[in-house]
Amino acid sequence: MFSRISFAKTANMPIDQVTISFLDPYQSSGPLVISPRFDDSLSFLTQWLTAHRSYVESQMLLHGAVLIRGFQINDAPDFEKAIMALQPNLSDSYRGTSPRSVFAGTKYTFSAADVPVNYPIA
């Protein structure tokens, strides 16, 4: 089932410190899921993502998405710390058509859309 997933070890941070699976356990395609194996702390996650950045990026290209689940990400600033570990060169400019707001305590984490829930977004 995991024949297309290559595993690597990066300086004191083995890749197998997390669980790597597929969203649909009966298929070896679609989004890859990264979840805690032993340590679900934000600190561990940021260290792991930094150590395995190229692996995670290659899996995003291969599978279309990587879901990070089950870690202690409790608010927008936590989310931003995790994502900055994976992509330290984020942009804070938004060029879309839907109005969005930056979340308090962050620079790169925006709302999905600042419109009423019944408002159609094209």
Foldseek 3Di string as FASTA:
>chain_A
DCPVQDFDQFDVQGLVQWDWAAPDNVDPAAEIETEGDDAQELVSLLVNLLRCLVSLVVRCVRRVYYHYDHHPQDDDVSVQSNVCSNPVPADQDDDDDADWDADPPDRRRIDPHDDDPVDDDD
